[in-house]
Amino acid sequence: MNIAGNLPPPARIAIVGAAVVIVLAGIRVATPILGPLLVAAFFAMITAPAMKWLTRRRVPPLLAAATVVAGLIGIFAGMIIFLGAAFTGFIRTLPQYQASLEAHAAVLADYGIDIGRFTIWDYIDQGFILQQATELARQIGNIAVDAFLVFVGIGFLLLEAPRLAAVLARHLGPESAPYRHLSQSGKILIDYVVVRTKVNLITGVGTGLFLTLLGVDFAVLWGFIAFVLSYVPYIGLVVAAIPPTLLALIEFGPAGAVAVIAAVALIDAAAENLFLPRIAGRELNLSPFVVLFSVIFWGFILGAVGIFLAIPLTIAVKLFLESWEETRWIGEMMGNGDWEG
């Protein structure tokens, strides 16, 4: 007896909505476990082409996976060393900007900003910084465990990917719609990440070069931060532009700050509109509201992991919804309206 079919539409919607809420609540509670697994799956997907390239050259799968994981570890270790050295140097130079602030005091006063006599450290809560540093040191063990789980997960996923694909093809059928949809979804997500990385590289390098030419201190650091935070749509680059804008204001006055804001906006616009091609046609189209909402939503559910993986997760949900006639309209509503369903 089909009980669900006999229920009125509002009741079915209420039941489905309640189930979704329960699942999302469970995901949020399980974030400490799901977070590392999602990160591992993400990096396993984007490094799968490197794994295939090695195995095609008759490198044993175990050695190929170890090589890919070792390469990722090397990249992240280099990033951590660079960021640690750069931020240490930045913190040490903060008091040196006192002279620049005093030099621009008269100019800032014309804009209604009276900085008076103060030092940089008067506006920095040193107790808060010390507290956060202590908390970070306390969490080092947890971070190390998560990192270990992520890299081990990447290695196992790279090794298991061919077997999992074969199992799915055998049970679903290589010509079946679900299997073709899963294969297409994986390719779309990989293409998105690759192209997104290229666009972010243009944004980061362009920002770093402009700041270097302008003479803003730690230009390479700000360019790198722009590259990383550009994975967060709309919000990321705005946050990344705040430190160099403040430094330009201190070093060169309001004109320098305006120049940084204008340059970052132009670089981002050029990267997004000139260098970002359409990927996989309609499947990757997301409305601007959905993009912004996805960052807030997945950030609430999964924390920092959700913020950086918001777009890939939303694309996966959209493709999932478009797999069935009953939910296809929801997937279409998530699009930007540039195509006809």
C-alpha atoms as a PDB file:
ATOM      1  CA  MET A   1       0.000   0.000   0.000  1.00  0.00           C
ATOM      2  CA  ASN A   2       1.455   3.344  -1.094  1.00  0.00           C
ATOM      3  CA  ILE A   3       0.796   5.493   1.966  1.00  0.00           C
ATOM      4  CA  ALA A   4       2.933   8.394   0.735  1.00  0.00           C
ATOM      5  CA  GLY A   5       0.987   8.511  -2.512  1.00  0.00           C
ATOM      6  CA  ASN A   6      -2.288   8.895  -0.625  1.00  0.00           C
ATOM      7  CA  LEU A   7      -1.094  11.871   1.377  1.00  0.00           C
ATOM      8  CA  PRO A   8      -2.024  15.377   0.212  1.00  0.00           C
ATOM      9  CA  PRO A   9       0.843  17.473  -1.262  1.00  0.00           C
ATOM     10  CA  PRO A  10       1.219  19.736   1.825  1.00  0.00           C
ATOM     11  CA  ALA A  11       1.670  16.665   4.029  1.00  0.00           C
ATOM     12  CA  ARG A  12       4.291  15.183   1.690  1.00  0.00           C
ATOM     13  CA  ILE A  13       6.132  18.508   1.606  1.00  0.00           C
ATOM     14  CA  ALA A  14       6.060  18.702   5.405  1.00  0.00           C
ATOM     15  CA  ILE A  15       7.404  15.147   5.744  1.00  0.00           C
ATOM     16  CA  VAL A  16      10.192  15.734   3.223  1.00  0.00           C
ATOM     17  CA  GLY A  17      11.065  19.063   4.855  1.00  0.00           C
ATOM     18  CA  ALA A  18      11.249  17.455   8.279  1.00  0.00           C
ATOM     19  CA  ALA A  19      13.492  14.698   6.916  1.00  0.00           C
ATOM     20  CA  VAL A  20      15.811  17.268   5.332  1.00  0.00           C
ATOM     21  CA  VAL A  21      16.040  19.210   8.598  1.00  0.00           C
ATOM     22  CA  ILE A  22      16.880  16.032  10.516  1.00  0.00           C
ATOM     23  CA  VAL A  23      19.567  15.068   8.002  1.00  0.00           C
ATOM     24  CA  LEU A  24      21.116  18.542   8.060  1.00  0.00           C
ATOM     25  CA  ALA A  25      21.094  18.557  11.864  1.00  0.00           C
ATOM     26  CA  GLY A  26      22.867  15.212  11.832  1.00  0.00           C
ATOM     27  CA  ILE A  27      25.449  16.533   9.362  1.00  0.00           C
ATOM     28  CA  ARG A  28      26.082  19.557  11.568  1.00  0.00           C
ATOM     29  CA  VAL A  29      26.602  17.379  14.629  1.00  0.00           C
ATOM     30  CA  ALA A  30      28.902  15.063  12.659  1.00  0.00           C
ATOM     31  CA  THR A  31      30.979  17.938  11.230  1.00  0.00           C
ATOM     32  CA  PRO A  32      34.160  16.924  13.155  1.00  0.00           C
ATOM     33  CA  ILE A  33      34.040  13.622  11.272  1.00  0.00           C
ATOM     34  CA  LEU A  34      32.508  14.712   7.969  1.00  0.00           C
ATOM     35  CA  GLY A  35      34.738  17.775   7.598  1.00  0.00           C
ATOM     36  CA  PRO A  36      38.025  15.891   7.086  1.00  0.00           C
ATOM     37  CA  LEU A  37      36.265  13.303   4.906  1.00  0.00           C
ATOM     38  CA  LEU A  38      34.794  15.983   2.627  1.00  0.00           C
ATOM     39  CA  VAL A  39      38.164  17.716   2.351  1.00  0.00           C
ATOM     40  CA  ALA A  40      39.794  14.384   1.524  1.00  0.00           C
ATOM     41  CA  ALA A  41      37.162  13.649  -1.132  1.00  0.00           C
ATOM     42  CA  PHE A  42      37.610  17.144  -2.579  1.00  0.00           C
ATOM     43  CA  PHE A  43      41.372  16.834  -2.972  1.00  0.00           C
ATOM     44  CA  ALA A  44      41.096  13.244  -4.171  1.00  0.00           C
ATOM     45  CA  MET A  45      38.832  14.437  -6.981  1.00  0.00           C
ATOM     46  CA  ILE A  46      41.113  17.253  -8.115  1.00  0.00           C
ATOM     47  CA  THR A  47      44.262  15.094  -7.912  1.00  0.00           C
ATOM     48  CA  ALA A  48      42.679  12.133  -9.715  1.00  0.00           C
ATOM     49  CA  PRO A  49      44.088  13.293 -13.093  1.00  0.00           C
ATOM     50  CA  ALA A  50      47.617  13.254 -11.613  1.00  0.00           C
ATOM     51  CA  MET A  51      46.977   9.740 -10.292  1.00  0.00           C
ATOM     52  CA  LYS A  52      45.804   8.576 -13.729  1.00  0.00           C
ATOM     53  CA  TRP A  53      48.809  10.213 -15.396  1.00  0.00           C
ATOM     54  CA  LEU A  54      51.193   8.288 -13.152  1.00  0.00           C
ATOM     55  CA  THR A  55      49.422   4.943 -13.504  1.00  0.00           C
ATOM     56  CA  ARG A  56      49.372   5.281 -17.293  1.00  0.00           C
ATOM     57  CA  ARG A  57      53.142   5.436 -17.152  1.00  0.00           C
ATOM     58  CA  ARG A  58      53.140   2.110 -15.342  1.00  0.00           C
ATOM     59  CA  VAL A  59      53.793   3.534 -11.915  1.00  0.00           C
ATOM     60  CA  PRO A  60      52.352   1.080  -9.334  1.00  0.00           C
ATOM     61  CA  PRO A  61      49.070   2.421  -7.907  1.00  0.00           C
ATOM     62  CA  LEU A  62      50.353   2.430  -4.328  1.00  0.00           C
ATOM     63  CA  LEU A  63      53.463   4.383  -5.327  1.00  0.00           C
ATOM     64  CA  ALA A  64      51.410   6.753  -7.499  1.00  0.00           C
ATOM     65  CA  ALA A  65      49.003   7.509  -4.646  1.00  0.00           C
ATOM     66  CA  ALA A  66      51.909   8.007  -2.231  1.00  0.00           C
ATOM     67  CA  THR A  67      53.554  10.377  -4.726  1.00  0.00           C
ATOM     68  CA  VAL A  68      50.395  12.467  -5.087  1.00  0.00           C
ATOM     69  CA  VAL A  69      49.855  12.635  -1.317  1.00  0.00           C
ATOM     70  CA  ALA A  70      53.529  13.505  -0.739  1.00  0.00           C
ATOM     71  CA  GLY A  71      53.223  16.295  -3.292  1.00  0.00           C
ATOM     72  CA  LEU A  72      50.166  17.690  -1.492  1.00  0.00           C
ATOM     73  CA  ILE A  73      51.958  17.496   1.848  1.00  0.00           C
ATOM     74  CA  GLY A  74      54.917  19.367   0.373  1.00  0.00           C
ATOM     75  CA  ILE A  75      52.676  22.079  -1.056  1.00  0.00           C
ATOM     76  CA  PHE A  76      50.776  22.613   2.181  1.00  0.00           C
ATOM     77  CA  ALA A  77      53.950  22.520   4.269  1.00  0.00           C
ATOM     78  CA  GLY A  78      55.446  25.219   2.055  1.00  0.00           C
ATOM     79  CA  MET A  79      52.283  27.305   2.386  1.00  0.00           C
ATOM     80  CA  ILE A  80      52.323  27.007   6.178  1.00  0.00           C
ATOM     81  CA  ILE A  81      55.999  27.978   6.368  1.00  0.00           C
ATOM     82  CA  PHE A  82      55.446  30.954   4.064  1.00  0.00           C
ATOM     83  CA  LEU A  83      52.371  32.182   5.953  1.00  0.00           C
ATOM     84  CA  GLY A  84      54.070  31.739   9.313  1.00  0.00           C
ATOM     85  CA  ALA A  85      57.123  33.736   8.254  1.00  0.00           C
ATOM     86  CA  ALA A  86      55.045  36.422   6.511  1.00  0.00           C
ATOM     87  CA  PHE A  87      52.637  36.969   9.404  1.00  0.00           C
ATOM     88  CA  THR A  88      55.498  37.014  11.917  1.00  0.00           C
ATOM     89  CA  GLY A  89      57.212  39.741   9.913  1.00  0.00           C
ATOM     90  CA  PHE A  90      53.954  41.658   9.579  1.00  0.00           C
ATOM     91  CA  ILE A  91      53.256  41.611  13.331  1.00  0.00           C
ATOM     92  CA  ARG A  92      56.805  42.761  14.066  1.00  0.00           C
ATOM     93  CA  THR A  93      56.521  45.752  11.714  1.00  0.00           C
ATOM     94  CA  LEU A  94      53.178  47.032  13.056  1.00  0.00           C
ATOM     95  CA  PRO A  95      54.767  49.586  15.441  1.00  0.00           C
ATOM     96  CA  GLN A  96      56.772  51.046  12.530  1.00  0.00           C
ATOM     97  CA  TYR A  97      53.589  52.394  10.966  1.00  0.00           C
ATOM     98  CA  GLN A  98      53.215  54.869  13.841  1.00  0.00           C
ATOM     99  CA  ALA A  99      55.323  57.444  11.998  1.00  0.00           C
ATOM    100  CA  SER A 100      53.260  57.044   8.824  1.00  0.00           C
ATOM    101  CA  LEU A 101      50.043  57.498  10.758  1.00  0.00           C
ATOM    102  CA  GLU A 102      51.314  60.702  12.336  1.00  0.00           C
ATOM    103  CA  ALA A 103      52.384  61.990   8.919  1.00  0.00           C
ATOM    104  CA  HIS A 104      48.894  61.446   7.543  1.00  0.00           C
ATOM    105  CA  ALA A 105      47.118  62.784  10.626  1.00  0.00           C
ATOM    106  CA  ALA A 106      46.460  66.166   9.037  1.00  0.00           C
ATOM    107  CA  VAL A 107      45.032  64.606   5.873  1.00  0.00           C
ATOM    108  CA  LEU A 108      42.805  62.240   7.805  1.00  0.00           C
ATOM    109  CA  ALA A 109      41.573  65.143   9.955  1.00  0.00           C
ATOM    110  CA  ASP A 110      40.192  66.770   6.794  1.00  0.00           C
ATOM    111  CA  TYR A 111      37.961  63.686   6.426  1.00  0.00           C
ATOM    112  CA  GLY A 112      36.738  63.964  10.003  1.00  0.00           C
ATOM    113  CA  ILE A 113      39.122  61.355  11.370  1.00  0.00           C
ATOM    114  CA  ASP A 114      41.156  62.634  14.298  1.00  0.00           C
ATOM    115  CA  ILE A 115      43.741  59.997  15.196  1.00  0.00           C
ATOM    116  CA  GLY A 116      45.426  62.144  17.848  1.00  0.00           C
ATOM    117  CA  ARG A 117      48.382  60.609  19.638  1.00  0.00           C
ATOM    118  CA  PHE A 118      48.301  56.864  19.830  1.00  0.00           C
ATOM    119  CA  THR A 119      50.243  53.789  18.902  1.00  0.00           C
ATOM    120  CA  ILE A 120      49.180  50.862  16.783  1.00  0.00           C
ATOM    121  CA  TRP A 121      49.067  48.618  19.812  1.00  0.00           C
ATOM    122  CA  ASP A 122      46.466  50.877  21.418  1.00  0.00           C
ATOM    123  CA  TYR A 123      44.004  49.596  18.831  1.00  0.00           C
ATOM    124  CA  ILE A 124      45.009  45.938  19.031  1.00  0.00           C
ATOM    125  CA  ASP A 125      43.712  43.799  21.847  1.00  0.00           C
ATOM    126  CA  GLN A 126      46.931  42.088  22.823  1.00  0.00           C
ATOM    127  CA  GLY A 127      45.087  39.968  25.370  1.00  0.00           C
ATOM    128  CA  PHE A 128      42.820  38.665  22.630  1.00  0.00           C
ATOM    129  CA  ILE A 129      45.809  37.878  20.411  1.00  0.00           C
ATOM    130  CA  LEU A 130      47.506  36.044  23.266  1.00  0.00           C
ATOM    131  CA  GLN A 131      44.318  34.149  24.007  1.00  0.00           C
ATOM    132  CA  GLN A 132      43.918  33.098  20.387  1.00  0.00           C
ATOM    133  CA  ALA A 133      47.561  32.052  20.166  1.00  0.00           C
ATOM    134  CA  THR A 134      47.154  29.941  23.295  1.00  0.00           C
ATOM    135  CA  GLU A 135      43.993  28.378  21.927  1.00  0.00           C
ATOM    136  CA  LEU A 136      45.721  27.662  18.614  1.00  0.00           C
ATOM    137  CA  ALA A 137      48.609  25.990  20.406  1.00  0.00           C
ATOM    138  CA  ARG A 138      46.115  23.903  22.361  1.00  0.00           C
ATOM    139  CA  GLN A 139      44.401  22.864  19.157  1.00  0.00           C
ATOM    140  CA  ILE A 140      47.598  21.903  17.357  1.00  0.00           C
ATOM    141  CA  GLY A 141      47.042  18.273  18.287  1.00  0.00           C
ATOM    142  CA  ASN A 142      43.523  18.278  16.829  1.00  0.00           C
ATOM    143  CA  ILE A 143      44.747  20.017  13.678  1.00  0.00           C
ATOM    144  CA  ALA A 144      47.493  17.441  13.260  1.00  0.00           C
ATOM    145  CA  VAL A 145      45.013  14.584  13.670  1.00  0.00           C
ATOM    146  CA  ASP A 146      42.627  16.140  11.113  1.00  0.00           C
ATOM    147  CA  ALA A 147      45.489  16.686   8.676  1.00  0.00           C
ATOM    148  CA  PHE A 148      46.589  13.077   9.109  1.00  0.00           C
ATOM    149  CA  LEU A 149      43.030  11.846   8.442  1.00  0.00           C
ATOM    150  CA  VAL A 150      42.740  14.047   5.366  1.00  0.00           C
ATOM    151  CA  PHE A 151      45.973  12.866   3.757  1.00  0.00           C
ATOM    152  CA  VAL A 152      45.307   9.213   4.597  1.00  0.00           C
ATOM    153  CA  GLY A 153      41.786   9.595   3.224  1.00  0.00           C
ATOM    154  CA  ILE A 154      43.113  11.099  -0.005  1.00  0.00           C
ATOM    155  CA  GLY A 155      45.480   8.167  -0.473  1.00  0.00           C
ATOM    156  CA  PHE A 156      42.790   5.549   0.107  1.00  0.00           C
ATOM    157  CA  LEU A 157      40.270   7.329  -2.113  1.00  0.00           C
ATOM    158  CA  LEU A 158      42.785   7.543  -4.950  1.00  0.00           C
ATOM    159  CA  LEU A 159      43.491   3.827  -4.629  1.00  0.00           C
ATOM    160  CA  GLU A 160      39.835   2.846  -4.291  1.00  0.00           C
ATOM    161  CA  ALA A 161      38.440   5.095  -7.041  1.00  0.00           C
ATOM    162  CA  PRO A 162      38.841   2.562  -9.917  1.00  0.00           C
ATOM    163  CA  ARG A 163      37.304  -0.263  -7.849  1.00  0.00           C
ATOM    164  CA  LEU A 164      34.381   1.911  -6.732  1.00  0.00           C
ATOM    165  CA  ALA A 165      33.751   3.003 -10.324  1.00  0.00           C
ATOM    166  CA  ALA A 166      33.778  -0.640 -11.471  1.00  0.00           C
ATOM    167  CA  VAL A 167      31.350  -1.665  -8.722  1.00  0.00           C
ATOM    168  CA  LEU A 168      28.959   1.150  -9.611  1.00  0.00           C
ATOM    169  CA  ALA A 169      29.175   0.306 -13.317  1.00  0.00           C
ATOM    170  CA  ARG A 170      28.460  -3.354 -12.596  1.00  0.00           C
ATOM    171  CA  HIS A 171      25.469  -2.746 -10.348  1.00  0.00           C
ATOM    172  CA  LEU A 172      23.984   0.299 -12.046  1.00  0.00           C
ATOM    173  CA  GLY A 173      25.007  -0.533 -15.596  1.00  0.00           C
ATOM    174  CA  PRO A 174      27.568   1.490 -17.582  1.00  0.00           C
ATOM    175  CA  GLU A 175      24.817   2.844 -19.840  1.00  0.00           C
ATOM    176  CA  SER A 176      22.340   3.576 -17.077  1.00  0.00           C
ATOM    177  CA  ALA A 177      21.266   7.140 -16.391  1.00  0.00           C
ATOM    178  CA  PRO A 178      22.412   7.133 -12.730  1.00  0.00           C
ATOM    179  CA  TYR A 179      25.916   5.944 -13.635  1.00  0.00           C
ATOM    180  CA  ARG A 180      26.261   8.431 -16.490  1.00  0.00           C
ATOM    181  CA  HIS A 181      25.012  11.165 -14.181  1.00  0.00           C
ATOM    182  CA  LEU A 182      27.560  10.297 -11.473  1.00  0.00           C
ATOM    183  CA  SER A 183      30.391  10.230 -14.009  1.00  0.00           C
ATOM    184  CA  GLN A 184      29.298  13.536 -15.499  1.00  0.00           C
ATOM    185  CA  SER A 185      28.950  15.128 -12.061  1.00  0.00           C
ATOM    186  CA  GLY A 186      32.495  14.154 -11.084  1.00  0.00           C
ATOM    187  CA  LYS A 187      33.902  15.598 -14.301  1.00  0.00           C
ATOM    188  CA  ILE A 188      31.949  18.832 -13.887  1.00  0.00           C
ATOM    189  CA  LEU A 189      33.184  19.313 -10.332  1.00  0.00           C
ATOM    190  CA  ILE A 190      36.792  18.640 -11.343  1.00  0.00           C
ATOM    191  CA  ASP A 191      36.514  21.085 -14.252  1.00  0.00           C
ATOM    192  CA  TYR A 192      35.035  23.716 -11.952  1.00  0.00           C
ATOM    193  CA  VAL A 193      37.828  23.385  -9.382  1.00  0.00           C
ATOM    194  CA  VAL A 194      40.546  23.500 -12.054  1.00  0.00           C
ATOM    195  CA  VAL A 195      39.107  26.583 -13.754  1.00  0.00           C
ATOM    196  CA  ARG A 196      38.340  28.243 -10.410  1.00  0.00           C
ATOM    197  CA  THR A 197      41.964  27.721  -9.389  1.00  0.00           C
ATOM    198  CA  LYS A 198      43.215  29.284 -12.621  1.00  0.00           C
ATOM    199  CA  VAL A 199      40.964  32.316 -12.157  1.00  0.00           C
ATOM    200  CA  ASN A 200      42.048  32.670  -8.525  1.00  0.00           C
ATOM    201  CA  LEU A 201      45.668  32.498  -9.649  1.00  0.00           C
ATOM    202  CA  ILE A 202      45.079  35.389 -12.030  1.00  0.00           C
ATOM    203  CA  THR A 203      43.382  37.359  -9.244  1.00  0.00           C
ATOM    204  CA  GLY A 204      46.092  36.605  -6.696  1.00  0.00           C
ATOM    205  CA  VAL A 205      49.039  37.271  -9.000  1.00  0.00           C
ATOM    206  CA  GLY A 206      47.427  40.420 -10.384  1.00  0.00           C
ATOM    207  CA  THR A 207      46.720  41.729  -6.898  1.00  0.00           C
ATOM    208  CA  GLY A 208      50.238  40.935  -5.722  1.00  0.00           C
ATOM    209  CA  LEU A 209      51.853  42.600  -8.745  1.00  0.00           C
ATOM    210  CA  PHE A 210      49.775  45.771  -8.393  1.00  0.00           C
ATOM    211  CA  LEU A 211      50.522  46.052  -4.684  1.00  0.00           C
ATOM    212  CA  THR A 212      54.208  45.526  -5.421  1.00  0.00           C
ATOM    213  CA  LEU A 213      54.192  48.302  -8.023  1.00  0.00           C
ATOM    214  CA  LEU A 214      52.299  50.570  -5.631  1.00  0.00           C
ATOM    215  CA  GLY A 215      54.835  49.831  -2.903  1.00  0.00           C
ATOM    216  CA  VAL A 216      52.472  48.302  -0.343  1.00  0.00           C
ATOM    217  CA  ASP A 217      54.340  46.198   2.198  1.00  0.00           C
ATOM    218  CA  PHE A 218      53.941  42.395   2.156  1.00  0.00           C
ATOM    219  CA  ALA A 219      52.412  42.464  -1.315  1.00  0.00           C
ATOM    220  CA  VAL A 220      53.139  38.762  -1.902  1.00  0.00           C
ATOM    221  CA  LEU A 221      51.310  37.831   1.297  1.00  0.00           C
ATOM    222  CA  TRP A 222      48.215  39.824   0.337  1.00  0.00           C
ATOM    223  CA  GLY A 223      48.264  38.366  -3.165  1.00  0.00           C
ATOM    224  CA  PHE A 224      48.437  34.842  -1.755  1.00  0.00           C
ATOM    225  CA  ILE A 225      45.559  35.547   0.632  1.00  0.00           C
ATOM    226  CA  ALA A 226      43.530  36.924  -2.300  1.00  0.00           C
ATOM    227  CA  PHE A 227      44.224  33.681  -4.205  1.00  0.00           C
ATOM    228  CA  VAL A 228      43.034  31.489  -1.310  1.00  0.00           C
ATOM    229  CA  LEU A 229      40.015  33.529  -0.231  1.00  0.00           C
ATOM    230  CA  SER A 230      38.773  33.913  -3.808  1.00  0.00           C
ATOM    231  CA  TYR A 231      37.440  30.370  -3.464  1.00  0.00           C
ATOM    232  CA  VAL A 232      34.749  31.983  -1.279  1.00  0.00           C
ATOM    233  CA  PRO A 233      32.466  33.814  -3.753  1.00  0.00           C
ATOM    234  CA  TYR A 234      31.818  37.531  -3.258  1.00  0.00           C
ATOM    235  CA  ILE A 235      32.892  37.586   0.387  1.00  0.00           C
ATOM    236  CA  GLY A 236      36.408  36.152   0.149  1.00  0.00           C
ATOM    237  CA  LEU A 237      38.057  38.798  -2.015  1.00  0.00           C
ATOM    238  CA  VAL A 238      36.433  41.608  -0.022  1.00  0.00           C
ATOM    239  CA  VAL A 239      37.965  40.217   3.175  1.00  0.00           C
ATOM    240  CA  ALA A 240      41.321  39.696   1.435  1.00  0.00           C
ATOM    241  CA  ALA A 241      41.381  43.331   0.270  1.00  0.00           C
ATOM    242  CA  ILE A 242      40.940  44.817   3.757  1.00  0.00           C
ATOM    243  CA  PRO A 243      44.546  44.466   5.082  1.00  0.00           C
ATOM    244  CA  PRO A 244      46.305  45.897   1.990  1.00  0.00           C
ATOM    245  CA  THR A 245      43.749  48.705   1.804  1.00  0.00           C
ATOM    246  CA  LEU A 246      44.451  49.689   5.403  1.00  0.00           C
ATOM    247  CA  LEU A 247      48.205  49.511   4.795  1.00  0.00           C
ATOM    248  CA  ALA A 248      47.871  51.665   1.682  1.00  0.00           C
ATOM    249  CA  LEU A 249      45.845  54.162   3.725  1.00  0.00           C
ATOM    250  CA  ILE A 250      48.612  54.320   6.330  1.00  0.00           C
ATOM    251  CA  GLU A 251      51.474  54.469   3.837  1.00  0.00           C
ATOM    252  CA  PHE A 252      50.017  56.626   1.064  1.00  0.00           C
ATOM    253  CA  GLY A 253      46.866  58.188   2.447  1.00  0.00           C
ATOM    254  CA  PRO A 254      43.270  57.968   1.146  1.00  0.00           C
ATOM    255  CA  ALA A 255      44.420  58.043  -2.487  1.00  0.00           C
ATOM    256  CA  GLY A 256      46.422  54.854  -1.946  1.00  0.00           C
ATOM    257  CA  ALA A 257      43.484  53.091  -0.313  1.00  0.00           C
ATOM    258  CA  VAL A 258      41.153  54.073  -3.164  1.00  0.00           C
ATOM    259  CA  ALA A 259      43.729  52.870  -5.694  1.00  0.00           C
ATOM    260  CA  VAL A 260      43.926  49.462  -4.014  1.00  0.00           C
ATOM    261  CA  ILE A 261      40.141  49.080  -3.884  1.00  0.00           C
ATOM    262  CA  ALA A 262      39.758  50.075  -7.538  1.00  0.00           C
ATOM    263  CA  ALA A 263      42.595  47.839  -8.697  1.00  0.00           C
ATOM    264  CA  VAL A 264      41.347  44.769  -6.830  1.00  0.00           C
ATOM    265  CA  ALA A 265      37.834  45.314  -8.199  1.00  0.00           C
ATOM    266  CA  LEU A 266      39.135  45.666 -11.774  1.00  0.00           C
ATOM    267  CA  ILE A 267      41.411  42.627 -11.487  1.00  0.00           C
ATOM    268  CA  ASP A 268      38.585  40.511 -10.109  1.00  0.00           C
ATOM    269  CA  ALA A 269      36.160  41.706 -12.791  1.00  0.00           C
ATOM    270  CA  ALA A 270      38.673  40.927 -15.534  1.00  0.00           C
ATOM    271  CA  ALA A 271      39.412  37.476 -14.119  1.00  0.00           C
ATOM    272  CA  GLU A 272      35.747  36.572 -13.681  1.00  0.00           C
ATOM    273  CA  ASN A 273      34.404  37.964 -16.965  1.00  0.00           C
ATOM    274  CA  LEU A 274      37.322  37.513 -19.374  1.00  0.00           C
ATOM    275  CA  PHE A 275      39.166  34.437 -18.120  1.00  0.00           C
ATOM    276  CA  LEU A 276      36.378  32.357 -16.575  1.00  0.00           C
ATOM    277  CA  PRO A 277      34.750  30.317 -19.362  1.00  0.00           C
ATOM    278  CA  ARG A 278      31.471  28.503 -19.045  1.00  0.00           C
ATOM    279  CA  ILE A 279      32.015  25.001 -17.705  1.00  0.00           C
ATOM    280  CA  ALA A 280      29.752  22.118 -18.709  1.00  0.00           C
ATOM    281  CA  GLY A 281      26.959  24.418 -19.904  1.00  0.00           C
ATOM    282  CA  ARG A 282      23.801  24.593 -17.864  1.00  0.00           C
ATOM    283  CA  GLU A 283      24.882  22.161 -15.124  1.00  0.00           C
ATOM    284  CA  LEU A 284      27.228  24.709 -13.583  1.00  0.00           C
ATOM    285  CA  ASN A 285      24.885  27.686 -13.733  1.00  0.00           C
ATOM    286  CA  LEU A 286      24.004  29.004 -10.295  1.00  0.00           C
ATOM    287  CA  SER A 287      22.123  32.203  -9.581  1.00  0.00           C
ATOM    288  CA  PRO A 288      24.057  34.895  -7.674  1.00  0.00           C
ATOM    289  CA  PHE A 289      21.636  34.582  -4.750  1.00  0.00           C
ATOM    290  CA  VAL A 290      22.172  30.808  -4.577  1.00  0.00           C
ATOM    291  CA  VAL A 291      25.945  31.317  -4.661  1.00  0.00           C
ATOM    292  CA  LEU A 292      25.861  33.801  -1.787  1.00  0.00           C
ATOM    293  CA  PHE A 293      23.307  31.793   0.178  1.00  0.00           C
ATOM    294  CA  SER A 294      25.323  28.594  -0.287  1.00  0.00           C
ATOM    295  CA  VAL A 295      28.355  30.178   1.390  1.00  0.00           C
ATOM    296  CA  ILE A 296      26.263  31.187   4.413  1.00  0.00           C
ATOM    297  CA  PHE A 297      24.330  27.920   4.517  1.00  0.00           C
ATOM    298  CA  TRP A 298      27.244  25.489   4.207  1.00  0.00           C
ATOM    299  CA  GLY A 299      29.312  27.664   6.517  1.00  0.00           C
ATOM    300  CA  PHE A 300      26.599  27.288   9.160  1.00  0.00           C
ATOM    301  CA  ILE A 301      26.352  23.518   8.620  1.00  0.00           C
ATOM    302  CA  LEU A 302      30.041  22.602   8.198  1.00  0.00           C
ATOM    303  CA  GLY A 303      31.979  25.618   9.457  1.00  0.00           C
ATOM    304  CA  ALA A 304      35.158  26.664   7.619  1.00  0.00           C
ATOM    305  CA  VAL A 305      35.078  23.521   5.479  1.00  0.00           C
ATOM    306  CA  GLY A 306      31.609  24.430   4.271  1.00  0.00           C
ATOM    307  CA  ILE A 307      32.649  27.983   3.398  1.00  0.00           C
ATOM    308  CA  PHE A 308      35.450  26.847   1.085  1.00  0.00           C
ATOM    309  CA  LEU A 309      33.528  23.889  -0.372  1.00  0.00           C
ATOM    310  CA  ALA A 310      30.215  25.759  -0.682  1.00  0.00           C
ATOM    311  CA  ILE A 311      30.135  25.930  -4.487  1.00  0.00           C
ATOM    312  CA  PRO A 312      31.208  22.298  -5.166  1.00  0.00           C
ATOM    313  CA  LEU A 313      28.671  21.085  -2.592  1.00  0.00           C
ATOM    314  CA  THR A 314      25.913  23.245  -4.087  1.00  0.00           C
ATOM    315  CA  ILE A 315      26.732  22.042  -7.604  1.00  0.00           C
ATOM    316  CA  ALA A 316      26.504  18.450  -6.361  1.00  0.00           C
ATOM    317  CA  VAL A 317      23.110  19.150  -4.765  1.00  0.00           C
ATOM    318  CA  LYS A 318      21.857  20.860  -7.928  1.00  0.00           C
ATOM    319  CA  LEU A 319      22.923  17.934 -10.122  1.00  0.00           C
ATOM    320  CA  PHE A 320      21.354  15.515  -7.650  1.00  0.00           C
ATOM    321  CA  LEU A 321      18.034  17.374  -7.758  1.00  0.00           C
ATOM    322  CA  GLU A 322      18.067  17.455 -11.561  1.00  0.00           C
ATOM    323  CA  SER A 323      18.343  13.660 -11.700  1.00  0.00           C
ATOM    324  CA  TRP A 324      14.620  13.117 -11.021  1.00  0.00           C
ATOM    325  CA  GLU A 325      11.552  14.630 -12.618  1.00  0.00           C
ATOM    326  CA  GLU A 326       9.982  15.340  -9.236  1.00  0.00           C
ATOM    327  CA  THR A 327      12.854  17.555  -8.064  1.00  0.00           C
ATOM    328  CA  ARG A 328      14.170  18.873 -11.377  1.00  0.00           C
ATOM    329  CA  TRP A 329      12.239  22.118 -10.965  1.00  0.00           C
ATOM    330  CA  ILE A 330      14.164  22.857  -7.757  1.00  0.00           C
ATOM    331  CA  GLY A 331      17.466  22.401  -9.588  1.00  0.00           C
ATOM    332  CA  GLU A 332      16.235  24.689 -12.355  1.00  0.00           C
ATOM    333  CA  MET A 333      15.280  27.354  -9.807  1.00  0.00           C
ATOM    334  CA  MET A 334      18.873  27.283  -8.552  1.00  0.00           C
ATOM    335  CA  GLY A 335      20.123  28.244 -12.027  1.00  0.00           C
ATOM    336  CA  ASN A 336      20.821  31.768 -13.202  1.00  0.00           C
ATOM    337  CA  GLY A 337      18.096  31.755 -15.853  1.00  0.00           C
ATOM    338  CA  ASP A 338      20.429  32.051 -18.867  1.00  0.00           C
ATOM    339  CA  TRP A 339      19.182  28.838 -20.416  1.00  0.00           C
ATOM    340  CA  GLU A 340      15.858  27.234 -21.116  1.00  0.00           C
ATOM    341  CA  GLY A 341      15.016  23.969 -19.399  1.00  0.00           C
END
